[in-house]
C-alpha cells in the first residue's frame, strides 16, 4: 500500500528526516510517535506531496486523504458546504450531497450540517475534518495529531471513529505525541526522533508499551 524509501528532508541547516524507510500494508493502522520536531508531520506531508523530500522515494498505491491538525475548515462555509466544496467539482452535486449527509450521519453530527465552524466544539470540528477527508473515498488516510487539544472523553470517541474508518478498509498512518492514544489504536508504532526511526514495534505484543516508548523520547 505504502513504501517509503530512504527519505531525507532538510530545512536550512536542520535535517528533519534522515534516511527514513518503512512500508505499510493495506488496512493497517500505523502510529507515528515522537517528540515535537522529530519529523512526524513533515513525513506525513511528504507522503501527501504537500512537501517534497530532498532525496529518496515514496510509493503510495491508491488515493490518500489528509486530516490536518488544525482542521483547516473554511470558516465562511457551513459544515455541509465544507464537505462538498472540493468533491463537488468532480461528482454530480446530488450524489455528493447524499454522500456528505450519509457521512455526517455516520459520524453523529448530522444536526450540525448547517452550522458554521465557529459554532462547533473541538470534538465536533474533529468529526467534520474526518468526514471531509473521507469524502474523496481515500485508500489511505493520513492524520496529523488527531487528538490535539481534546479531552479524554473526546479522545476515546476519536479512537472509536478511526477504528470504524479502518473497518471500511481504509489504511491509516497517524502522527501523534499521545502514546496512550497510539497504543490503543495502532497495529504498529514507528517512533521518530531527530529525523530517524528509533523504534518500530507492535504495541499489543509488548507489556507496558507506553513506558517502553517513553525511553526513546
N, C-alpha and C. Protein backbone atom coordinates (compact mmCIF):
# COMPACT_ATOMS: atom_id res chain seq x y z
N UNK A 1 0.83 -1.21 0.00
CA UNK A 1 0.00 0.00 0.00
C UNK A 1 0.86 1.26 0.00
N UNK A 2 1.85 1.31 0.93
CA UNK A 2 2.72 2.47 1.03
C UNK A 2 4.16 2.02 1.27
N UNK A 3 5.09 2.56 0.46
CA UNK A 3 6.51 2.26 0.64
C UNK A 3 7.28 3.58 0.69
N UNK A 4 7.97 3.78 1.79
CA UNK A 4 8.82 4.97 1.98
C UNK A 4 10.27 4.48 2.00
N UNK A 5 11.09 5.00 1.10
CA UNK A 5 12.46 4.50 0.99
C UNK A 5 13.48 5.63 1.08
N UNK A 6 14.28 5.59 2.13
CA UNK A 6 15.46 6.44 2.27
C UNK A 6 15.15 7.93 2.11
N UNK A 7 14.04 8.35 2.75
CA UNK A 7 13.61 9.74 2.64
C UNK A 7 14.49 10.66 3.48
N UNK A 8 14.90 11.76 2.86
CA UNK A 8 15.68 12.78 3.57
C UNK A 8 15.06 14.15 3.27
N UNK A 9 14.87 14.94 4.33
CA UNK A 9 14.31 16.27 4.18
C UNK A 9 15.03 17.23 5.12
N UNK A 10 15.46 18.35 4.57
CA UNK A 10 16.21 19.32 5.35
C UNK A 10 15.63 20.71 5.14
N UNK A 11 15.48 21.47 6.24
CA UNK A 11 15.07 22.86 6.17
C UNK A 11 16.23 23.71 6.67
N UNK A 12 16.81 24.49 5.75
CA UNK A 12 18.02 25.24 6.05
C UNK A 12 19.10 24.28 6.55
N UNK A 13 19.57 24.45 7.78
CA UNK A 13 20.62 23.57 8.30
C UNK A 13 20.07 22.41 9.12
N UNK A 14 18.76 22.36 9.28
CA UNK A 14 18.15 21.35 10.15
C UNK A 14 17.67 20.15 9.33
N UNK A 15 18.19 18.97 9.63
CA UNK A 15 17.76 17.74 8.99
C UNK A 15 16.54 17.22 9.75
N UNK A 16 15.38 17.24 9.08
CA UNK A 16 14.13 16.84 9.73
C UNK A 16 13.85 15.35 9.53
N UNK A 17 14.18 14.82 8.36
CA UNK A 17 14.06 13.39 8.08
C UNK A 17 15.40 12.91 7.56
N UNK A 18 15.90 11.84 8.16
CA UNK A 18 17.25 11.37 7.84
C UNK A 18 17.23 9.89 7.49
N UNK A 19 17.15 9.59 6.19
CA UNK A 19 17.18 8.20 5.68
C UNK A 19 16.08 7.34 6.31
N UNK A 20 14.83 7.80 6.19
CA UNK A 20 13.69 7.10 6.76
C UNK A 20 13.12 6.11 5.74
N UNK A 21 12.98 4.86 6.16
CA UNK A 21 12.43 3.81 5.29
C UNK A 21 11.46 2.93 6.08
N UNK A 22 10.31 2.65 5.50
CA UNK A 22 9.36 1.69 6.08
C UNK A 22 8.26 1.43 5.05
N UNK A 23 7.46 0.40 5.30
CA UNK A 23 6.34 0.11 4.42
C UNK A 23 5.09 -0.15 5.26
N UNK A 24 3.94 0.06 4.67
CA UNK A 24 2.66 -0.11 5.35
C UNK A 24 1.78 -1.01 4.50
N UNK A 25 1.21 -2.04 5.14
CA UNK A 25 0.32 -2.96 4.44
C UNK A 25 -1.11 -2.43 4.43
N UNK A 26 -1.88 -2.89 3.47
CA UNK A 26 -3.28 -2.49 3.34
C UNK A 26 -4.05 -2.81 4.62
N UNK A 27 -4.88 -1.87 5.04
CA UNK A 27 -5.76 -1.97 6.20
C UNK A 27 -5.05 -1.90 7.54
N UNK A 28 -3.75 -1.65 7.55
CA UNK A 28 -3.01 -1.46 8.80
C UNK A 28 -3.27 -0.07 9.36
N UNK A 29 -3.14 0.05 10.68
CA UNK A 29 -3.13 1.35 11.35
C UNK A 29 -1.73 1.53 11.93
N UNK A 30 -0.98 2.45 11.37
CA UNK A 30 0.40 2.69 11.81
C UNK A 30 0.45 4.03 12.53
N UNK A 31 0.99 4.02 13.75
CA UNK A 31 1.16 5.24 14.52
C UNK A 31 2.56 5.79 14.36
N UNK A 32 2.66 7.09 14.13
CA UNK A 32 3.95 7.77 14.10
C UNK A 32 4.09 8.54 15.41
N UNK A 33 5.00 8.11 16.25
CA UNK A 33 5.21 8.74 17.55
C UNK A 33 6.53 9.52 17.53
N UNK A 34 6.73 10.30 18.59
CA UNK A 34 7.98 11.03 18.72
C UNK A 34 7.76 12.43 19.26
N UNK A 35 8.81 13.07 19.73
CA UNK A 35 8.71 14.41 20.29
C UNK A 35 8.45 15.45 19.20
N UNK A 36 8.04 16.64 19.63
CA UNK A 36 7.86 17.74 18.69
C UNK A 36 9.17 18.01 17.96
N UNK A 37 9.08 18.20 16.65
CA UNK A 37 10.28 18.42 15.85
C UNK A 37 10.98 17.15 15.43
N UNK A 38 10.38 16.00 15.76
CA UNK A 38 11.02 14.72 15.42
C UNK A 38 10.84 14.30 13.98
N UNK A 39 9.94 14.97 13.24
CA UNK A 39 9.77 14.67 11.82
C UNK A 39 8.44 14.05 11.44
N UNK A 40 7.54 13.87 12.41
CA UNK A 40 6.27 13.18 12.15
C UNK A 40 5.42 13.90 11.10
N UNK A 41 5.14 15.17 11.35
CA UNK A 41 4.27 15.92 10.45
C UNK A 41 4.90 16.10 9.08
N UNK A 42 6.20 16.34 9.06
CA UNK A 42 6.90 16.51 7.77
C UNK A 42 6.81 15.23 6.95
N UNK A 43 6.93 14.08 7.61
CA UNK A 43 6.82 12.81 6.90
C UNK A 43 5.43 12.64 6.28
N UNK A 44 4.40 12.95 7.05
CA UNK A 44 3.04 12.87 6.51
C UNK A 44 2.87 13.81 5.31
N UNK A 45 3.40 15.01 5.43
CA UNK A 45 3.26 15.99 4.35
C UNK A 45 4.01 15.54 3.10
N UNK A 46 5.13 14.84 3.28
CA UNK A 46 5.85 14.31 2.12
C UNK A 46 5.07 13.19 1.46
N UNK A 47 4.43 12.35 2.26
CA UNK A 47 3.61 11.26 1.70
C UNK A 47 2.46 11.83 0.89
N UNK A 48 1.86 12.91 1.40
CA UNK A 48 0.71 13.55 0.73
C UNK A 48 1.14 14.48 -0.41
N UNK A 49 2.45 14.66 -0.57
CA UNK A 49 3.03 15.54 -1.60
C UNK A 49 2.75 17.01 -1.34
N UNK A 50 2.56 17.35 -0.06
CA UNK A 50 2.46 18.75 0.32
C UNK A 50 3.86 19.33 0.49
N UNK A 51 4.83 18.48 0.82
CA UNK A 51 6.25 18.81 0.84
C UNK A 51 6.98 17.82 -0.07
N UNK A 52 8.12 18.21 -0.58
CA UNK A 52 8.91 17.35 -1.45
C UNK A 52 10.20 16.94 -0.75
N UNK A 53 10.44 15.64 -0.59
CA UNK A 53 11.70 15.22 0.03
C UNK A 53 12.90 15.61 -0.82
N UNK A 54 14.03 15.85 -0.16
CA UNK A 54 15.26 16.20 -0.88
C UNK A 54 15.82 14.99 -1.63
N UNK A 55 15.59 13.81 -1.08
CA UNK A 55 16.04 12.59 -1.74
C UNK A 55 15.21 11.42 -1.22
N UNK A 56 15.32 10.28 -1.91
CA UNK A 56 14.52 9.11 -1.54
C UNK A 56 13.26 9.02 -2.39
N UNK A 57 12.42 8.06 -2.09
CA UNK A 57 11.20 7.86 -2.88
C UNK A 57 10.04 7.42 -2.00
N UNK A 58 8.84 7.74 -2.46
CA UNK A 58 7.61 7.34 -1.77
C UNK A 58 6.66 6.76 -2.81
N UNK A 59 6.20 5.55 -2.57
CA UNK A 59 5.25 4.89 -3.46
C UNK A 59 3.96 4.63 -2.69
N UNK A 60 2.87 5.23 -3.14
CA UNK A 60 1.57 5.07 -2.49
C UNK A 60 0.58 4.54 -3.51
N UNK A 61 0.11 3.32 -3.30
CA UNK A 61 -0.83 2.69 -4.22
C UNK A 61 -2.26 3.00 -3.78
N UNK A 62 -2.82 4.02 -4.37
CA UNK A 62 -4.18 4.41 -4.01
C UNK A 62 -4.27 5.89 -3.72
N UNK A 63 -5.48 6.33 -3.45
CA UNK A 63 -5.74 7.74 -3.16
C UNK A 63 -5.53 8.02 -1.68
N UNK A 64 -4.85 9.12 -1.38
CA UNK A 64 -4.56 9.49 0.01
C UNK A 64 -5.41 10.68 0.43
N UNK A 65 -5.96 10.60 1.64
CA UNK A 65 -6.66 11.73 2.25
C UNK A 65 -5.84 12.23 3.42
N UNK A 66 -5.99 13.52 3.74
CA UNK A 66 -5.18 14.14 4.79
C UNK A 66 -6.08 14.85 5.78
N UNK A 67 -5.88 14.55 7.06
CA UNK A 67 -6.63 15.18 8.15
C UNK A 67 -5.67 16.08 8.91
N UNK A 68 -5.85 17.41 8.77
CA UNK A 68 -4.91 18.37 9.33
C UNK A 68 -5.11 18.55 10.83
N UNK A 69 -4.02 18.87 11.51
CA UNK A 69 -4.05 19.07 12.95
C UNK A 69 -4.98 20.22 13.34
N UNK A 70 -4.96 21.31 12.58
CA UNK A 70 -5.78 22.48 12.91
C UNK A 70 -7.09 22.50 12.13
N UNK A 71 -7.49 21.32 11.63
CA UNK A 71 -8.77 21.12 10.93
C UNK A 71 -8.83 21.78 9.55
N UNK A 72 -8.43 23.05 9.45
CA UNK A 72 -8.46 23.82 8.20
C UNK A 72 -9.83 23.79 7.54
N UNK A 73 -10.87 23.99 8.35
CA UNK A 73 -12.22 24.14 7.82
C UNK A 73 -12.40 25.56 7.29
N UNK A 74 -13.18 25.71 6.24
CA UNK A 74 -13.46 27.04 5.71
C UNK A 74 -14.45 27.74 6.64
N UNK A 75 -14.05 28.85 7.28
CA UNK A 75 -14.93 29.48 8.28
C UNK A 75 -16.20 30.08 7.70
N UNK A 76 -16.20 30.43 6.42
CA UNK A 76 -17.36 31.07 5.80
C UNK A 76 -18.33 30.06 5.20
N UNK A 77 -18.02 28.77 5.31
CA UNK A 77 -18.90 27.73 4.76
C UNK A 77 -19.51 26.91 5.90
N UNK A 78 -20.73 26.42 5.68
CA UNK A 78 -21.35 25.54 6.66
C UNK A 78 -20.63 24.19 6.66
N UNK A 79 -20.98 23.35 7.62
CA UNK A 79 -20.39 22.02 7.70
C UNK A 79 -20.63 21.26 6.40
N UNK A 80 -21.87 21.27 5.92
CA UNK A 80 -22.20 20.54 4.69
C UNK A 80 -21.43 21.12 3.50
N UNK A 81 -21.31 22.42 3.45
CA UNK A 81 -20.57 23.07 2.35
C UNK A 81 -19.08 22.75 2.43
N UNK A 82 -18.55 22.64 3.64
CA UNK A 82 -17.15 22.25 3.80
C UNK A 82 -16.89 20.87 3.21
N UNK A 83 -17.85 19.97 3.40
CA UNK A 83 -17.67 18.61 2.90
C UNK A 83 -17.80 18.52 1.39
N UNK A 84 -18.66 19.34 0.81
CA UNK A 84 -18.98 19.19 -0.61
C UNK A 84 -18.20 20.15 -1.51
N UNK A 85 -17.44 21.07 -0.92
CA UNK A 85 -16.76 22.09 -1.71
C UNK A 85 -15.83 21.51 -2.77
N UNK A 86 -14.88 20.66 -2.34
CA UNK A 86 -13.92 20.09 -3.30
C UNK A 86 -14.49 18.90 -4.07
N UNK A 87 -15.13 17.93 -3.38
CA UNK A 87 -15.65 16.78 -4.14
C UNK A 87 -16.66 17.15 -5.19
N UNK A 88 -17.45 18.23 -4.98
CA UNK A 88 -18.49 18.59 -5.94
C UNK A 88 -17.91 19.02 -7.28
N UNK A 89 -16.63 19.31 -7.31
CA UNK A 89 -16.00 19.67 -8.58
C UNK A 89 -15.91 18.47 -9.51
N UNK A 90 -15.96 17.27 -8.94
CA UNK A 90 -15.78 16.06 -9.75
C UNK A 90 -17.02 15.16 -9.76
N UNK A 91 -17.84 15.25 -8.72
CA UNK A 91 -19.02 14.40 -8.64
C UNK A 91 -20.27 15.20 -9.00
N UNK A 92 -21.31 14.49 -9.38
CA UNK A 92 -22.59 15.15 -9.56
C UNK A 92 -23.06 15.69 -8.22
N UNK A 93 -23.61 16.90 -8.22
CA UNK A 93 -23.96 17.57 -6.97
C UNK A 93 -24.87 16.73 -6.10
N UNK A 94 -25.87 16.09 -6.71
CA UNK A 94 -26.84 15.31 -5.94
C UNK A 94 -26.14 14.15 -5.23
N UNK A 95 -25.26 13.45 -5.94
CA UNK A 95 -24.54 12.32 -5.35
C UNK A 95 -23.61 12.79 -4.23
N UNK A 96 -22.98 13.94 -4.47
CA UNK A 96 -22.05 14.49 -3.49
C UNK A 96 -22.77 14.88 -2.20
N UNK A 97 -23.93 15.49 -2.31
CA UNK A 97 -24.71 15.89 -1.14
C UNK A 97 -25.18 14.68 -0.36
N UNK A 98 -25.60 13.64 -1.06
CA UNK A 98 -26.06 12.43 -0.38
C UNK A 98 -24.90 11.78 0.38
N UNK A 99 -23.75 11.71 -0.26
CA UNK A 99 -22.57 11.12 0.37
C UNK A 99 -22.18 11.91 1.62
N UNK A 100 -22.24 13.24 1.52
CA UNK A 100 -21.88 14.10 2.65
C UNK A 100 -22.85 13.91 3.81
N UNK A 101 -24.14 13.87 3.51
CA UNK A 101 -25.14 13.68 4.57
C UNK A 101 -24.99 12.32 5.24
N UNK A 102 -24.73 11.29 4.43
CA UNK A 102 -24.50 9.95 4.99
C UNK A 102 -23.29 9.95 5.91
N UNK A 103 -22.23 10.66 5.50
CA UNK A 103 -21.01 10.73 6.29
C UNK A 103 -21.27 11.42 7.63
N UNK A 104 -22.00 12.54 7.59
CA UNK A 104 -22.32 13.27 8.82
C UNK A 104 -23.19 12.42 9.75
N UNK A 105 -24.13 11.69 9.17
CA UNK A 105 -24.99 10.83 9.97
C UNK A 105 -24.17 9.73 10.64
N UNK A 106 -23.27 9.11 9.88
CA UNK A 106 -22.44 8.03 10.43
C UNK A 106 -21.53 8.52 11.56
N UNK A 107 -21.12 9.78 11.48
CA UNK A 107 -20.22 10.33 12.49
C UNK A 107 -20.96 11.07 13.60
N UNK A 108 -22.29 11.02 13.56
CA UNK A 108 -23.09 11.56 14.65
C UNK A 108 -23.19 13.07 14.71
N UNK A 109 -23.03 13.75 13.59
CA UNK A 109 -23.09 15.22 13.59
C UNK A 109 -24.02 15.75 12.50
N UNK A 110 -25.01 14.96 12.12
CA UNK A 110 -25.95 15.41 11.10
C UNK A 110 -26.68 16.68 11.53
N UNK A 111 -26.89 16.84 12.84
CA UNK A 111 -27.60 18.02 13.34
C UNK A 111 -26.80 19.31 13.13
N UNK A 112 -25.50 19.17 12.82
CA UNK A 112 -24.63 20.34 12.63
C UNK A 112 -24.40 20.65 11.15
N UNK A 113 -25.16 20.03 10.27
CA UNK A 113 -24.93 20.19 8.83
C UNK A 113 -24.96 21.64 8.38
N UNK A 114 -25.83 22.46 8.98
CA UNK A 114 -25.96 23.85 8.55
C UNK A 114 -25.26 24.83 9.49
N UNK A 115 -24.49 24.30 10.43
CA UNK A 115 -23.74 25.15 11.36
C UNK A 115 -22.42 25.58 10.72
N UNK A 116 -21.85 26.65 11.25
CA UNK A 116 -20.54 27.12 10.80
C UNK A 116 -19.46 26.65 11.78
N UNK A 117 -18.22 26.52 11.33
CA UNK A 117 -17.14 26.04 12.21
C UNK A 117 -17.05 26.77 13.54
N UNK A 118 -17.34 28.07 13.57
CA UNK A 118 -17.24 28.85 14.81
C UNK A 118 -18.24 28.37 15.86
N UNK A 119 -19.28 27.66 15.44
CA UNK A 119 -20.32 27.20 16.35
C UNK A 119 -20.08 25.77 16.84
N UNK A 120 -18.96 25.17 16.47
CA UNK A 120 -18.68 23.77 16.81
C UNK A 120 -17.68 23.67 17.95
N UNK A 121 -17.80 22.60 18.73
CA UNK A 121 -16.79 22.28 19.75
C UNK A 121 -15.57 21.67 19.06
N UNK A 122 -14.49 21.51 19.81
CA UNK A 122 -13.29 20.90 19.24
C UNK A 122 -13.54 19.49 18.73
N UNK A 123 -14.30 18.71 19.48
CA UNK A 123 -14.61 17.35 19.04
C UNK A 123 -15.46 17.32 17.79
N UNK A 124 -16.41 18.27 17.69
CA UNK A 124 -17.25 18.33 16.50
C UNK A 124 -16.45 18.76 15.27
N UNK A 125 -15.53 19.71 15.46
CA UNK A 125 -14.66 20.11 14.35
C UNK A 125 -13.82 18.92 13.89
N UNK A 126 -13.38 18.11 14.84
CA UNK A 126 -12.59 16.94 14.51
C UNK A 126 -13.39 15.97 13.64
N UNK A 127 -14.65 15.78 13.98
CA UNK A 127 -15.50 14.88 13.20
C UNK A 127 -15.75 15.43 11.80
N UNK A 128 -15.94 16.74 11.71
CA UNK A 128 -16.13 17.36 10.40
C UNK A 128 -14.87 17.21 9.54
N UNK A 129 -13.71 17.43 10.17
CA UNK A 129 -12.45 17.28 9.44
C UNK A 129 -12.27 15.85 8.96
N UNK A 130 -12.66 14.89 9.79
CA UNK A 130 -12.57 13.48 9.40
C UNK A 130 -13.53 13.20 8.26
N UNK A 131 -14.77 13.68 8.39
CA UNK A 131 -15.76 13.47 7.33
C UNK A 131 -15.29 14.05 6.01
N UNK A 132 -14.72 15.26 6.06
CA UNK A 132 -14.25 15.90 4.82
C UNK A 132 -13.13 15.10 4.18
N UNK A 133 -12.21 14.57 4.99
CA UNK A 133 -11.10 13.79 4.43
C UNK A 133 -11.58 12.48 3.83
N UNK A 134 -12.72 11.98 4.32
CA UNK A 134 -13.27 10.72 3.79
C UNK A 134 -14.15 10.93 2.56
N UNK A 135 -14.49 12.17 2.26
CA UNK A 135 -15.35 12.46 1.11
C UNK A 135 -14.74 12.01 -0.21
N UNK A 136 -13.41 12.01 -0.29
CA UNK A 136 -12.77 11.61 -1.54
C UNK A 136 -12.60 10.09 -1.63
N UNK A 137 -13.14 9.38 -0.61
CA UNK A 137 -13.07 7.91 -0.56
C UNK A 137 -11.61 7.44 -0.67
N UNK A 138 -10.77 7.85 0.31
CA UNK A 138 -9.35 7.51 0.23
C UNK A 138 -9.07 6.05 0.51
N UNK A 139 -7.98 5.56 -0.06
CA UNK A 139 -7.49 4.22 0.26
C UNK A 139 -6.60 4.26 1.50
N UNK A 140 -5.96 5.41 1.71
CA UNK A 140 -5.11 5.60 2.88
C UNK A 140 -5.40 6.97 3.47
N UNK A 141 -5.55 7.04 4.79
CA UNK A 141 -5.84 8.29 5.48
C UNK A 141 -4.65 8.67 6.35
N UNK A 142 -4.15 9.89 6.16
CA UNK A 142 -3.03 10.42 6.92
C UNK A 142 -3.57 11.42 7.93
N UNK A 143 -3.34 11.17 9.22
CA UNK A 143 -3.89 12.01 10.28
C UNK A 143 -2.77 12.67 11.07
N UNK A 144 -2.79 13.99 11.16
CA UNK A 144 -1.76 14.73 11.89
C UNK A 144 -2.32 15.21 13.22
N UNK A 145 -1.88 14.57 14.31
CA UNK A 145 -2.28 14.93 15.67
C UNK A 145 -3.81 15.02 15.82
N UNK A 146 -4.53 13.91 15.57
CA UNK A 146 -5.99 13.98 15.59
C UNK A 146 -6.61 14.20 16.97
N UNK A 147 -5.82 14.04 18.06
CA UNK A 147 -6.38 14.25 19.40
C UNK A 147 -5.84 15.52 20.06
N UNK A 148 -5.11 16.33 19.32
CA UNK A 148 -4.52 17.54 19.89
C UNK A 148 -5.60 18.47 20.45
N UNK A 149 -5.46 18.83 21.73
CA UNK A 149 -6.39 19.77 22.35
C UNK A 149 -7.71 19.17 22.79
N UNK A 150 -7.87 17.85 22.64
CA UNK A 150 -9.14 17.21 23.01
C UNK A 150 -9.04 16.61 24.41
N UNK A 151 -10.18 16.57 25.13
CA UNK A 151 -10.19 15.96 26.45
C UNK A 151 -10.23 14.45 26.33
N UNK A 152 -10.13 13.76 27.48
CA UNK A 152 -10.02 12.30 27.49
C UNK A 152 -11.24 11.64 26.85
N UNK A 153 -12.43 12.14 27.18
CA UNK A 153 -13.66 11.53 26.65
C UNK A 153 -13.73 11.68 25.14
N UNK A 154 -13.37 12.86 24.64
CA UNK A 154 -13.41 13.09 23.19
C UNK A 154 -12.34 12.28 22.49
N UNK A 155 -11.18 12.12 23.13
CA UNK A 155 -10.12 11.29 22.56
C UNK A 155 -10.59 9.84 22.40
N UNK A 156 -11.33 9.35 23.38
CA UNK A 156 -11.90 7.99 23.30
C UNK A 156 -12.85 7.89 22.11
N UNK A 157 -13.64 8.95 21.89
CA UNK A 157 -14.54 8.98 20.73
C UNK A 157 -13.76 8.92 19.42
N UNK A 158 -12.63 9.63 19.37
CA UNK A 158 -11.80 9.65 18.16
C UNK A 158 -11.26 8.26 17.88
N UNK A 159 -10.84 7.54 18.93
CA UNK A 159 -10.37 6.16 18.76
C UNK A 159 -11.45 5.32 18.11
N UNK A 160 -12.68 5.42 18.62
CA UNK A 160 -13.80 4.66 18.07
C UNK A 160 -14.07 5.04 16.62
N UNK A 161 -14.03 6.33 16.33
CA UNK A 161 -14.27 6.81 14.97
C UNK A 161 -13.23 6.27 14.00
N UNK A 162 -11.95 6.34 14.39
CA UNK A 162 -10.89 5.89 13.49
C UNK A 162 -10.92 4.38 13.32
N UNK A 163 -11.31 3.66 14.36
CA UNK A 163 -11.46 2.21 14.22
C UNK A 163 -12.56 1.88 13.23
N UNK A 164 -13.63 2.68 13.23
CA UNK A 164 -14.72 2.44 12.27
C UNK A 164 -14.26 2.75 10.85
N UNK A 165 -13.36 3.73 10.71
CA UNK A 165 -12.79 4.03 9.39
C UNK A 165 -11.96 2.85 8.90
N UNK A 166 -11.19 2.25 9.81
CA UNK A 166 -10.38 1.08 9.44
C UNK A 166 -11.27 -0.07 8.98
N UNK A 167 -12.44 -0.22 9.61
CA UNK A 167 -13.37 -1.28 9.23
C UNK A 167 -13.92 -1.06 7.82
N UNK A 168 -13.82 0.17 7.31
CA UNK A 168 -14.22 0.46 5.92
C UNK A 168 -13.15 0.00 4.93
N UNK A 169 -12.01 -0.48 5.46
CA UNK A 169 -10.93 -0.92 4.59
C UNK A 169 -9.91 0.15 4.29
N UNK A 170 -9.97 1.26 5.05
CA UNK A 170 -9.03 2.37 4.83
C UNK A 170 -7.77 2.15 5.67
N UNK A 171 -6.62 2.21 5.02
CA UNK A 171 -5.33 2.14 5.71
C UNK A 171 -5.08 3.51 6.35
N UNK A 172 -4.41 3.52 7.53
CA UNK A 172 -4.18 4.78 8.21
C UNK A 172 -2.75 4.91 8.72
N UNK A 173 -2.23 6.12 8.61
CA UNK A 173 -0.96 6.50 9.24
C UNK A 173 -1.27 7.71 10.10
N UNK A 174 -1.06 7.59 11.41
CA UNK A 174 -1.49 8.60 12.36
C UNK A 174 -0.29 9.14 13.14
N UNK A 175 -0.02 10.43 13.01
CA UNK A 175 1.05 11.06 13.75
C UNK A 175 0.49 11.66 15.04
N UNK A 176 1.13 11.34 16.17
CA UNK A 176 0.66 11.87 17.45
C UNK A 176 1.77 11.79 18.49
N UNK A 177 1.76 12.75 19.42
CA UNK A 177 2.68 12.69 20.56
C UNK A 177 2.03 11.93 21.72
N UNK A 178 0.72 11.60 21.57
CA UNK A 178 -0.06 10.95 22.62
C UNK A 178 0.13 9.43 22.54
N UNK A 179 1.03 8.91 23.36
CA UNK A 179 1.36 7.48 23.30
C UNK A 179 0.20 6.60 23.75
N UNK A 180 -0.56 7.05 24.75
CA UNK A 180 -1.71 6.26 25.20
C UNK A 180 -2.70 6.06 24.05
N UNK A 181 -2.96 7.13 23.34
CA UNK A 181 -3.86 7.07 22.18
C UNK A 181 -3.32 6.13 21.11
N UNK A 182 -2.05 6.26 20.77
CA UNK A 182 -1.46 5.45 19.70
C UNK A 182 -1.44 3.97 20.06
N UNK A 183 -1.15 3.64 21.31
CA UNK A 183 -1.09 2.22 21.69
C UNK A 183 -2.48 1.59 21.68
N UNK A 184 -3.53 2.42 21.86
CA UNK A 184 -4.89 1.89 21.84
C UNK A 184 -5.35 1.57 20.42
N UNK A 185 -4.88 2.35 19.46
CA UNK A 185 -5.45 2.24 18.11
C UNK A 185 -4.53 1.58 17.10
N UNK A 186 -3.22 1.60 17.32
CA UNK A 186 -2.27 1.21 16.27
C UNK A 186 -1.94 -0.28 16.27
N UNK A 187 -1.81 -0.83 15.07
CA UNK A 187 -1.27 -2.19 14.92
C UNK A 187 0.24 -2.16 15.08
N UNK A 188 0.82 -1.01 14.80
CA UNK A 188 2.27 -0.85 14.79
C UNK A 188 2.61 0.60 15.07
N UNK A 189 3.68 0.82 15.82
CA UNK A 189 4.12 2.18 16.13
C UNK A 189 5.56 2.37 15.68
N UNK A 190 5.76 3.43 14.89
CA UNK A 190 7.10 3.84 14.47
C UNK A 190 7.43 5.13 15.20
N UNK A 191 8.53 5.13 15.95
CA UNK A 191 8.90 6.31 16.72
C UNK A 191 10.07 7.01 16.04
N UNK A 192 9.85 8.30 15.74
CA UNK A 192 10.88 9.13 15.12
C UNK A 192 11.49 10.06 16.15
N UNK A 193 12.79 10.17 16.14
CA UNK A 193 13.47 11.13 16.99
C UNK A 193 14.71 11.63 16.25
N UNK A 194 14.81 12.95 16.12
CA UNK A 194 15.93 13.51 15.38
C UNK A 194 15.91 13.15 13.91
N UNK A 195 14.68 12.87 13.39
CA UNK A 195 14.56 12.55 11.97
C UNK A 195 14.82 11.12 11.61
N UNK A 196 15.13 10.28 12.61
CA UNK A 196 15.43 8.87 12.36
C UNK A 196 14.42 7.96 13.04
N UNK A 197 14.20 6.78 12.47
CA UNK A 197 13.37 5.77 13.13
C UNK A 197 14.21 5.12 14.22
N UNK A 198 13.76 5.26 15.48
CA UNK A 198 14.50 4.67 16.59
C UNK A 198 13.78 3.46 17.20
N UNK A 199 12.47 3.34 16.91
CA UNK A 199 11.68 2.19 17.38
C UNK A 199 10.65 1.84 16.32
N UNK A 200 10.42 0.55 16.12
CA UNK A 200 9.37 0.06 15.22
C UNK A 200 8.80 -1.20 15.87
N UNK A 201 7.65 -1.07 16.55
CA UNK A 201 7.11 -2.17 17.34
C UNK A 201 5.62 -2.38 17.09
N UNK A 202 5.13 -3.55 17.52
CA UNK A 202 3.70 -3.84 17.57
C UNK A 202 3.31 -3.74 19.05
N UNK A 203 2.60 -2.68 19.46
CA UNK A 203 2.37 -2.44 20.89
C UNK A 203 1.64 -3.54 21.62
N UNK A 204 0.74 -4.26 20.93
CA UNK A 204 -0.04 -5.30 21.59
C UNK A 204 0.83 -6.50 22.00
N UNK A 205 2.02 -6.58 21.44
CA UNK A 205 2.92 -7.69 21.78
C UNK A 205 3.90 -7.33 22.89
N UNK A 206 3.76 -6.13 23.43
CA UNK A 206 4.74 -5.66 24.40
C UNK A 206 4.02 -5.14 25.64
N UNK A 207 4.35 -5.70 26.81
CA UNK A 207 3.79 -5.20 28.07
C UNK A 207 4.35 -3.80 28.34
N UNK A 208 3.50 -2.94 28.90
CA UNK A 208 3.92 -1.57 29.24
C UNK A 208 4.57 -0.87 28.04
N UNK A 209 3.90 -0.94 26.88
CA UNK A 209 4.48 -0.37 25.66
C UNK A 209 4.67 1.13 25.76
N UNK A 210 3.80 1.82 26.51
CA UNK A 210 3.94 3.26 26.65
C UNK A 210 5.23 3.60 27.37
N UNK A 211 5.50 2.88 28.48
CA UNK A 211 6.75 3.13 29.22
C UNK A 211 7.96 2.79 28.36
N UNK A 212 7.85 1.75 27.58
CA UNK A 212 8.95 1.37 26.70
C UNK A 212 9.25 2.47 25.68
N UNK A 213 8.20 3.01 25.08
CA UNK A 213 8.37 4.04 24.06
C UNK A 213 8.92 5.35 24.65
N UNK A 214 8.51 5.65 25.87
CA UNK A 214 8.96 6.90 26.51
C UNK A 214 10.47 6.95 26.67
N UNK A 215 11.11 5.80 26.74
CA UNK A 215 12.56 5.76 26.91
C UNK A 215 13.30 6.35 25.70
N UNK A 216 12.60 6.42 24.55
CA UNK A 216 13.25 6.88 23.32
C UNK A 216 12.92 8.32 22.98
N UNK A 217 12.27 9.01 23.90
CA UNK A 217 11.97 10.43 23.68
C UNK A 217 13.17 11.29 24.09
